[in-house]
Amino acid sequence: MIEVVASMARGPVFLAGELMECLITFTNPMSHLSTSASSEMLAWASAQIHCQFHASENRVALPAQGNKQDVQAESDTVLIPSRASLHHVDSLQHLFFSSAGERGQCVLDTPPKILFCDLRLDPGESKTYSYSEVVPIDGPPSFRGQAVKYVYKLTIGCQRVNSPIKLLRVPFRVLVLQGMPEPPFPQDEEVSPSNPFLEEEEASRRDARPLERALDMLMVTTSRRCPHMFNITNMRGKVAKFCIFKTVYRLGEDIVGTFNFSEGDIPCLQYSVSLQSEEEIQQQYQRRPGQAVSVTGHGRHMESCLHTASSHFSLPIPLNVTPGFSTDIVSLRWRLHFEFVTAGEPMEPPTVLQNQSEVTVWAGAEHVDVDTFSWDLPIKVLPTNPALASYMSQFTGTNRINI
C-alpha cells in the first residue's frame, strides 16, 4: 500500500491567472521493524487542473454534443479527467458528481504534467514532488448556483503496473476578476540589473508581482467613494431620501446605507433591505421561454421606523459567495432589494406636555391602512484577496488516498 497526500500550502482559494503550487507526497507506510515489509512500485503519476460543469436538466437545455460521459476504461494509461472514473476521496464529492437530475462535462483543463515514472519506495520511505500550474485565466469562477455549477479540482492520477488508474482529487476555489483591465496578470519583464546569486528570490518576486498588481487594482476600484442619493417615492408622495456611498464592493465588505425620513411626506412604518444574487440562464440555453431568474438571499436587515427621523443599515457580503460574472450559459448579478411599508394616511406623532404631572401611556393604533412597495438597486461585487477568502472556504486544500 502507498499513501498519497496532496497539500496546497497557501490555501484552497486562487485568482484566475495566479500560480498554484501543491506538494504531493508518496509514502510506503510500512515500518522498518516489520518482518513482512516490502518495497512498493508505482508506474507513473501525473497531475493537472480541470473544471467540471454541471447543469440542472430542469432549467438548462444543453446541446446534445455537450454531454460527456464520465467513464474511463480500466486499460487506459493516460489521465483524462473528463472520462476518468471518480474515486470519492472526500465527503463533498457527492455534492458535485452524484446529485440527481444533473449531467456534467469537463469544460476546462490544463496539460497533464508527469510527476515521475517508475517510482520505488522502500518500507518507511517517502518522496515529495512539487506541482505548479497557472490557474487558467479564461475559465469561469467557482460557482454553485441553483441551475449551474462550476467546480475546480486538482486531479492527481497514479497507476501500478497492470492495474487501473487511481485518482486523487483536491477541490479548490477560483475567483475571476471580470470587468478589470485585460490582462489582470500582465507578464511584462522588468528591465533592471539582476543578481545571479539571488535568482530564486527574484523569481518568486516576479511571480508575486502580477498578483500584487491585480489586488492593487481591486483595492483602487472598490475604495472609490462617491455618495449616491435617491428619493424614495410611491404614488402618494415622497417617503424618504436614501444615501449609499458606493456601489462597487469586495467580498467581505459591509454595505452601509442611510435613510432620511424627515424629508418624507408619507409615514414609513417599516423597511427591509436584502442582499440578493440573481442567477440567469442565457436565453439560448433556457429550458422554457421566459424562464424566471433564480434569486438567492444572502442577508437581510429589517427595522421599524415610524416617527423616526433617520436610520441606517449595514449588510456584510459573505466571503464564500461568488462575485458577479457572465459566461455563455449563465450570468450572476447582485442587487439590494428594498421593501417599504407606508401608512395610507398621515400619522401625527404623540406629544408630551411640558408640565404634565400624570403618567401617560402611549399605545399604537389598532388598525392602520398600509401600502407596500419594493425597489431594487443593482450593485457590483468583486473578488477579494484569495488568502482572506481561504479562511472561510469549505475546502481544506488537502486530500489523501491509499493505493
Protein backbone atom coordinates (compact mmCIF):
# COMPACT_ATOMS: atom_id res chain seq x y z
CA MET A 1 0.00 0.00 0.00
CA ILE A 2 1.14 3.53 -0.83
CA GLU A 3 -0.32 6.61 0.80
CA VAL A 4 -0.63 9.71 -1.41
CA VAL A 5 -1.14 13.12 0.25
CA ALA A 6 -1.66 16.36 -1.68
CA SER A 7 -1.48 19.72 0.09
CA MET A 8 -1.85 23.30 -1.20
CA ALA A 9 0.37 25.19 1.20
CA ARG A 10 -1.04 28.67 0.55
CA GLY A 11 -4.68 27.69 0.86
CA PRO A 12 -7.53 26.47 -1.35
CA VAL A 13 -8.53 29.80 -2.99
CA PHE A 14 -6.83 31.34 -6.06
CA LEU A 15 -7.32 34.14 -8.52
CA ALA A 16 -7.55 33.15 -12.17
CA GLY A 17 -4.08 33.74 -13.65
CA GLU A 18 -2.34 33.06 -10.33
CA LEU A 19 0.31 30.37 -9.90
CA MET A 20 -0.99 27.42 -7.89
CA GLU A 21 1.51 25.23 -6.05
CA CYS A 22 0.83 21.85 -4.47
CA LEU A 23 3.11 19.39 -2.67
CA ILE A 24 2.35 15.72 -3.37
CA THR A 25 3.90 13.12 -1.07
CA PHE A 26 4.06 9.39 -1.78
CA THR A 27 4.75 7.21 1.26
CA ASN A 28 5.27 3.49 1.88
CA PRO A 29 3.98 3.48 5.48
CA MET A 30 5.33 0.06 6.44
CA SER A 31 7.71 0.16 9.40
CA HIS A 32 11.38 -0.77 9.10
CA LEU A 33 10.87 -3.15 12.04
CA SER A 34 8.14 -5.15 10.33
CA THR A 35 9.28 -8.54 9.05
CA SER A 36 6.70 -8.51 6.25
CA ALA A 37 7.81 -5.15 4.89
CA SER A 38 8.40 -4.95 1.15
CA SER A 39 9.14 -2.30 -1.43
CA GLU A 40 6.26 -0.72 -3.36
CA MET A 41 6.27 0.33 -7.02
CA LEU A 42 4.28 2.89 -8.97
CA ALA A 43 4.47 3.01 -12.77
CA TRP A 44 3.74 6.73 -13.10
CA ALA A 45 1.90 9.71 -11.65
CA SER A 46 0.70 12.92 -13.26
CA ALA A 47 -1.32 15.97 -12.24
CA GLN A 48 -3.49 18.60 -13.90
CA ILE A 49 -6.22 21.16 -13.18
CA HIS A 50 -9.71 20.73 -14.54
CA CYS A 51 -13.07 22.47 -14.21
CA GLN A 52 -16.23 20.39 -14.13
CA PHE A 53 -19.53 21.91 -15.31
CA HIS A 54 -22.91 20.68 -14.08
CA ALA A 55 -26.36 21.88 -15.10
CA SER A 56 -29.86 21.14 -13.84
CA GLU A 57 -31.75 19.39 -16.63
CA ASN A 58 -34.95 21.07 -15.43
CA ARG A 59 -33.55 24.56 -16.06
CA VAL A 60 -30.76 24.32 -18.64
CA ALA A 61 -31.06 22.94 -22.19
CA LEU A 62 -27.56 21.99 -23.34
CA PRO A 63 -26.65 20.88 -26.88
CA ALA A 64 -26.54 17.11 -27.31
CA GLN A 65 -22.82 17.16 -28.10
CA GLY A 66 -22.11 18.90 -24.79
CA ASN A 67 -22.94 15.85 -22.69
CA LYS A 68 -19.75 13.93 -21.98
CA GLN A 69 -19.78 10.69 -20.09
CA ASP A 70 -17.58 10.39 -17.01
CA VAL A 71 -16.25 6.95 -17.96
CA GLN A 72 -12.70 5.76 -18.43
CA ALA A 73 -11.66 2.27 -19.43
CA GLU A 74 -9.52 0.39 -16.94
CA SER A 75 -6.99 -0.33 -19.67
CA ASP A 76 -6.31 3.39 -20.20
CA THR A 77 -2.86 4.52 -19.14
CA VAL A 78 -3.34 8.26 -19.77
CA LEU A 79 -5.13 10.52 -17.31
CA ILE A 80 -8.25 12.03 -18.95
CA PRO A 81 -10.25 13.90 -16.28
CA SER A 82 -13.40 14.20 -18.38
CA ARG A 83 -13.55 10.39 -18.69
CA ALA A 84 -11.76 9.23 -15.57
CA SER A 85 -13.68 7.08 -13.12
CA LEU A 86 -14.15 9.04 -9.93
CA HIS A 87 -12.54 7.97 -6.69
CA HIS A 88 -14.62 9.56 -3.96
CA VAL A 89 -11.92 10.54 -1.51
CA ASP A 90 -13.72 13.38 0.16
CA SER A 91 -17.15 13.76 1.68
CA LEU A 92 -18.02 16.71 -0.55
CA GLN A 93 -17.67 14.80 -3.82
CA HIS A 94 -21.27 13.59 -3.89
CA LEU A 95 -22.45 17.21 -3.87
CA PHE A 96 -20.88 17.70 -7.29
CA PHE A 97 -20.99 14.38 -9.05
CA SER A 98 -23.92 12.40 -7.69
CA SER A 99 -26.72 14.96 -7.49
CA ALA A 100 -29.89 13.68 -9.10
CA GLY A 101 -31.02 15.32 -12.32
CA GLU A 102 -27.62 16.68 -13.29
CA ARG A 103 -25.17 15.96 -16.05
CA GLY A 104 -21.61 17.16 -16.21
CA GLN A 105 -18.72 17.76 -18.52
CA CYS A 106 -15.12 18.89 -18.30
CA VAL A 107 -15.11 22.42 -19.74
CA LEU A 108 -11.51 23.34 -18.99
CA ASP A 109 -8.28 21.50 -18.24
CA THR A 110 -4.57 22.15 -18.26
CA PRO A 111 -1.99 19.88 -19.94
CA PRO A 112 -1.04 17.00 -17.62
CA LYS A 113 2.39 17.17 -16.03
CA ILE A 114 4.28 13.97 -15.28
CA LEU A 115 5.45 13.81 -11.67
CA PHE A 116 7.55 10.66 -12.09
CA CYS A 117 7.88 7.32 -13.87
CA ASP A 118 8.84 4.03 -12.16
CA LEU A 119 8.89 5.12 -8.52
CA ARG A 120 10.14 2.60 -5.97
CA LEU A 121 9.59 3.18 -2.25
CA ASP A 122 11.26 1.08 0.42
CA PRO A 123 9.43 0.45 3.71
CA GLY A 124 9.06 3.74 5.61
CA GLU A 125 10.33 5.77 2.66
CA SER A 126 8.50 8.79 1.23
CA LYS A 127 9.13 11.16 -1.65
CA THR A 128 7.59 14.59 -2.24
CA TYR A 129 7.02 16.21 -5.62
CA SER A 130 6.05 19.80 -6.29
CA TYR A 131 3.36 20.59 -8.84
CA SER A 132 2.83 24.15 -10.06
CA GLU A 133 0.49 25.49 -12.71
CA VAL A 134 -1.09 28.82 -13.61
CA VAL A 135 -4.83 28.74 -12.97
CA PRO A 136 -6.37 29.32 -16.44
CA ILE A 137 -7.40 32.92 -16.88
CA ASP A 138 -10.10 32.22 -19.46
CA GLY A 139 -12.22 29.92 -17.29
CA PRO A 140 -15.33 30.60 -15.20
CA PRO A 141 -15.17 31.18 -11.44
CA SER A 142 -16.12 28.52 -8.93
CA PHE A 143 -19.88 28.68 -8.59
CA ARG A 144 -22.63 26.60 -7.00
CA GLY A 145 -25.93 28.04 -8.16
CA GLN A 146 -29.45 26.68 -8.35
CA ALA A 147 -29.17 25.75 -12.04
CA VAL A 148 -25.43 25.70 -12.81
CA LYS A 149 -22.26 24.64 -11.01
CA TYR A 150 -18.59 25.18 -11.92
CA VAL A 151 -16.26 23.06 -9.79
CA TYR A 152 -12.45 23.17 -9.88
CA LYS A 153 -10.23 20.29 -8.85
CA LEU A 154 -6.59 19.38 -8.99
CA THR A 155 -6.58 15.80 -10.29
CA ILE A 156 -3.63 13.52 -9.50
CA GLY A 157 -3.55 10.20 -11.32
CA CYS A 158 -1.43 7.21 -10.23
CA GLN A 159 -1.08 3.70 -11.60
CA ARG A 160 0.56 0.48 -10.65
CA VAL A 161 1.69 -1.85 -13.42
CA ASN A 162 -1.27 -3.77 -14.90
CA SER A 163 -3.69 -2.00 -12.54
CA PRO A 164 -6.47 0.57 -13.01
CA ILE A 165 -5.71 4.24 -12.68
CA LYS A 166 -6.42 5.70 -9.24
CA LEU A 167 -7.36 9.37 -8.89
CA LEU A 168 -6.90 11.81 -6.05
CA ARG A 169 -8.95 14.99 -6.44
CA VAL A 170 -8.30 18.12 -4.40
CA PRO A 171 -11.14 20.66 -4.68
CA PHE A 172 -10.21 24.34 -4.69
CA ARG A 173 -11.90 27.65 -5.39
CA VAL A 174 -11.20 30.07 -8.24
CA LEU A 175 -12.06 33.79 -8.19
CA VAL A 176 -12.20 35.66 -11.50
CA LEU A 177 -11.58 39.38 -11.91
CA GLN A 178 -14.19 40.13 -14.56
CA GLY A 179 -14.58 43.75 -15.58
CA MET A 180 -10.96 44.58 -14.74
CA PRO A 181 -8.39 45.72 -17.36
CA GLU A 182 -7.06 42.88 -19.50
CA PRO A 183 -5.00 41.03 -18.73
CA PRO A 184 -5.14 41.27 -14.91
CA PHE A 185 -1.84 39.40 -14.78
CA PRO A 186 0.46 41.13 -17.32
CA GLN A 187 3.65 39.19 -17.83
CA ASP A 188 5.90 42.11 -18.74
CA GLU A 189 9.54 41.79 -17.77
CA GLU A 190 11.08 44.43 -15.59
CA VAL A 191 14.29 45.81 -17.07
CA SER A 192 16.73 46.08 -14.18
CA PRO A 193 20.06 44.62 -13.09
CA SER A 194 19.74 41.09 -11.72
CA ASN A 195 21.84 39.29 -9.17
CA PRO A 196 22.81 35.78 -10.37
CA PHE A 197 23.21 34.70 -6.74
CA LEU A 198 19.61 35.60 -5.90
CA GLU A 199 17.83 34.02 -8.85
CA GLU A 200 15.32 32.08 -6.72
CA GLU A 201 14.38 35.14 -4.68
CA GLU A 202 13.98 37.26 -7.81
CA ALA A 203 11.88 34.57 -9.50
CA SER A 204 9.49 34.35 -6.54
CA ARG A 205 9.28 38.13 -6.50
CA ARG A 206 8.35 38.14 -10.21
CA ASP A 207 5.65 35.52 -9.57
CA ALA A 208 4.17 37.65 -6.77
CA ARG A 209 4.15 40.94 -8.72
CA PRO A 210 1.19 40.12 -11.04
CA LEU A 211 -0.94 39.09 -8.05
CA GLU A 212 0.04 42.26 -6.19
CA ARG A 213 -0.85 44.41 -9.20
CA ALA A 214 -4.24 42.73 -9.57
CA LEU A 215 -5.00 43.18 -5.87
CA ASP A 216 -3.90 46.83 -6.02
CA MET A 217 -6.27 47.42 -8.95
CA LEU A 218 -9.03 45.71 -6.99
CA MET A 219 -8.42 47.90 -3.94
CA VAL A 220 -8.44 51.09 -6.00
CA THR A 221 -11.66 50.11 -7.79
CA THR A 222 -13.55 49.28 -4.59
CA SER A 223 -12.17 52.14 -2.48
CA ARG A 224 -13.66 54.96 -4.53
CA ARG A 225 -16.40 56.68 -2.56
CA CYS A 226 -18.98 59.00 -4.07
CA PRO A 227 -22.33 59.48 -2.31
CA HIS A 228 -25.30 58.30 -4.39
CA MET A 229 -28.60 59.95 -3.36
CA PHE A 230 -32.04 58.50 -4.19
CA ASN A 231 -35.52 59.85 -3.47
CA ILE A 232 -37.80 57.01 -2.35
CA THR A 233 -41.36 57.71 -3.52
CA ASN A 234 -44.62 55.94 -4.08
CA MET A 235 -47.89 57.03 -5.76
CA ARG A 236 -48.82 59.19 -2.75
CA GLY A 237 -45.58 61.13 -2.50
CA LYS A 238 -42.05 61.13 -1.08
CA VAL A 239 -41.22 58.58 1.61
CA ALA A 240 -37.52 59.17 2.33
CA LYS A 241 -34.14 60.08 0.92
CA PHE A 242 -31.62 57.22 0.68
CA CYS A 243 -27.83 57.60 0.56
CA ILE A 244 -25.22 54.97 -0.25
CA PHE A 245 -21.54 55.84 -0.53
CA LYS A 246 -20.56 53.39 -3.27
CA THR A 247 -21.98 50.61 -5.42
CA VAL A 248 -18.83 48.52 -6.03
CA TYR A 249 -17.71 46.18 -3.23
CA ARG A 250 -15.29 43.35 -2.46
CA LEU A 251 -16.20 40.07 -0.83
CA GLY A 252 -16.18 40.54 2.94
CA GLU A 253 -17.03 44.25 2.86
CA ASP A 254 -20.01 45.82 4.63
CA ILE A 255 -22.68 47.62 2.60
CA VAL A 256 -23.74 50.70 4.56
CA GLY A 257 -26.69 52.93 3.67
CA THR A 258 -28.68 55.66 5.42
CA PHE A 259 -32.31 56.82 5.26
CA ASN A 260 -33.58 60.32 5.99
CA PHE A 261 -37.30 60.11 6.75
CA SER A 262 -37.60 63.73 7.96
CA GLU A 263 -37.83 64.90 4.33
CA GLY A 264 -40.66 62.49 3.52
CA ASP A 265 -44.35 63.32 3.17
CA ILE A 266 -45.60 59.75 3.64
CA PRO A 267 -45.07 58.00 7.03
CA CYS A 268 -42.91 54.87 6.73
CA LEU A 269 -43.80 52.17 9.26
CA GLN A 270 -41.12 49.62 8.37
CA TYR A 271 -38.41 48.92 5.84
CA SER A 272 -36.21 45.96 4.99
CA VAL A 273 -33.04 45.63 2.88
CA SER A 274 -31.87 42.28 1.46
CA LEU A 275 -28.61 41.40 -0.27
CA GLN A 276 -29.54 39.19 -3.22
CA SER A 277 -27.86 37.49 -6.17
CA GLU A 278 -29.63 36.84 -9.48
CA GLU A 279 -28.71 33.73 -11.47
CA GLU A 280 -29.97 33.98 -15.04
CA ILE A 281 -29.57 31.35 -17.74
CA GLN A 282 -28.75 32.86 -21.13
CA GLN A 283 -31.75 32.87 -23.44
CA GLN A 284 -30.47 30.25 -25.91
CA TYR A 285 -29.94 27.73 -23.07
CA GLN A 286 -33.20 28.28 -21.18
CA ARG A 287 -35.35 25.16 -20.81
CA ARG A 288 -38.55 27.24 -21.12
CA PRO A 289 -39.11 30.57 -22.89
CA GLY A 290 -39.19 33.47 -20.44
CA GLN A 291 -37.71 31.33 -17.68
CA ALA A 292 -37.65 33.12 -14.33
CA VAL A 293 -34.40 34.36 -12.82
CA SER A 294 -33.25 32.46 -9.71
CA VAL A 295 -32.89 34.83 -6.75
CA THR A 296 -30.88 33.89 -3.64
CA GLY A 297 -30.79 35.91 -0.43
CA HIS A 298 -27.53 36.41 1.47
CA GLY A 299 -28.57 38.69 4.32
CA ARG A 300 -31.44 40.90 5.47
CA HIS A 301 -31.90 43.95 7.68
CA MET A 302 -35.38 44.94 8.88
CA GLU A 303 -36.35 47.89 11.07
CA SER A 304 -39.47 49.67 12.30
CA CYS A 305 -39.15 53.38 11.61
CA LEU A 306 -42.44 55.17 12.37
CA HIS A 307 -41.73 58.69 13.72
CA THR A 308 -38.01 58.10 13.07
CA ALA A 309 -36.05 60.97 11.54
CA SER A 310 -33.18 58.84 10.23
CA SER A 311 -31.96 55.26 10.15
CA HIS A 312 -29.11 53.21 8.71
CA PHE A 313 -28.27 49.61 7.89
CA SER A 314 -25.13 47.51 7.46
CA LEU A 315 -25.12 44.29 5.43
CA PRO A 316 -21.91 42.20 5.23
CA ILE A 317 -21.06 40.45 1.95
CA PRO A 318 -20.11 36.85 2.83
CA LEU A 319 -16.63 35.71 1.85
CA ASN A 320 -17.91 32.39 0.50
CA VAL A 321 -20.27 33.77 -2.18
CA THR A 322 -19.41 34.14 -5.87
CA PRO A 323 -18.74 37.63 -7.29
CA GLY A 324 -20.69 38.72 -10.34
CA PHE A 325 -19.70 37.06 -13.62
CA SER A 326 -21.03 36.05 -17.02
CA THR A 327 -20.40 33.05 -19.30
CA ASP A 328 -22.06 31.77 -22.47
CA ILE A 329 -24.51 29.79 -20.32
CA VAL A 330 -25.18 31.76 -17.13
CA SER A 331 -24.75 35.21 -15.62
CA LEU A 332 -24.71 36.24 -11.96
CA ARG A 333 -25.68 39.74 -10.86
CA TRP A 334 -26.02 41.38 -7.43
CA ARG A 335 -28.58 43.79 -6.06
CA LEU A 336 -30.02 45.36 -2.92
CA HIS A 337 -33.75 44.62 -2.61
CA PHE A 338 -35.74 47.19 -0.60
CA GLU A 339 -39.25 46.74 0.76
CA PHE A 340 -41.22 49.58 2.39
CA VAL A 341 -44.44 49.57 4.41
CA THR A 342 -46.07 53.01 4.44
CA ALA A 343 -49.21 54.41 6.08
CA GLY A 344 -52.20 55.22 3.92
CA GLU A 345 -52.97 58.32 6.00
CA PRO A 346 -50.83 60.88 7.88
CA MET A 347 -49.98 59.80 11.42
CA GLU A 348 -49.31 62.52 13.96
CA PRO A 349 -46.53 61.79 16.46
CA PRO A 350 -47.52 61.69 20.14
CA THR A 351 -46.99 64.96 22.02
CA VAL A 352 -45.63 65.47 25.52
CA LEU A 353 -46.83 68.42 27.61
CA GLN A 354 -44.07 70.30 29.40
CA ASN A 355 -45.76 70.45 32.83
CA GLN A 356 -47.61 67.17 32.69
CA SER A 357 -47.72 65.55 36.13
CA GLU A 358 -49.65 62.38 35.34
CA VAL A 359 -48.13 59.34 33.69
CA THR A 360 -49.21 58.97 30.07
CA VAL A 361 -49.29 55.62 28.31
CA TRP A 362 -48.75 55.68 24.55
CA ALA A 363 -50.46 52.97 22.56
CA GLY A 364 -50.15 52.24 18.87
CA ALA A 365 -53.12 52.37 16.55
CA GLU A 366 -55.08 49.13 16.38
CA HIS A 367 -55.80 49.43 12.66
CA VAL A 368 -53.62 51.18 10.08
CA ASP A 369 -54.21 51.19 6.33
CA VAL A 370 -50.84 50.43 4.73
CA ASP A 371 -49.27 50.32 1.31
CA THR A 372 -46.24 48.24 0.37
CA PHE A 373 -43.78 48.67 -2.46
CA SER A 374 -40.31 47.46 -3.36
CA TRP A 375 -37.23 48.73 -5.17
CA ASP A 376 -34.06 47.06 -6.49
CA LEU A 377 -30.67 48.77 -6.60
CA PRO A 378 -28.02 46.96 -8.74
CA ILE A 379 -24.56 46.74 -7.19
CA LYS A 380 -21.29 45.17 -8.29
CA VAL A 381 -19.49 42.53 -6.16
CA LEU A 382 -15.84 41.79 -6.96
CA PRO A 383 -13.39 39.21 -5.51
CA THR A 384 -11.09 39.84 -2.58
CA ASN A 385 -7.60 38.72 -1.60
CA PRO A 386 -7.62 34.90 -2.03
CA ALA A 387 -5.66 34.48 1.21
CA LEU A 388 -8.52 36.20 3.07
CA ALA A 389 -11.17 34.11 1.29
CA SER A 390 -9.30 30.92 2.28
CA TYR A 391 -10.28 31.45 5.92
CA MET A 392 -13.96 30.91 5.08
CA SER A 393 -13.52 28.22 2.42
CA GLN A 394 -15.34 24.91 2.71
CA PHE A 395 -12.24 23.26 1.25
CA THR A 396 -9.04 22.49 3.14
CA GLY A 397 -6.65 22.31 0.20
CA THR A 398 -5.54 18.86 1.40
CA ASN A 399 -6.63 15.35 0.45
CA ARG A 400 -5.26 11.81 0.55
CA ILE A 401 -5.74 8.34 -0.90
CA ASN A 402 -4.30 4.85 -0.36
CA ILE A 403 -3.43 2.81 -3.43
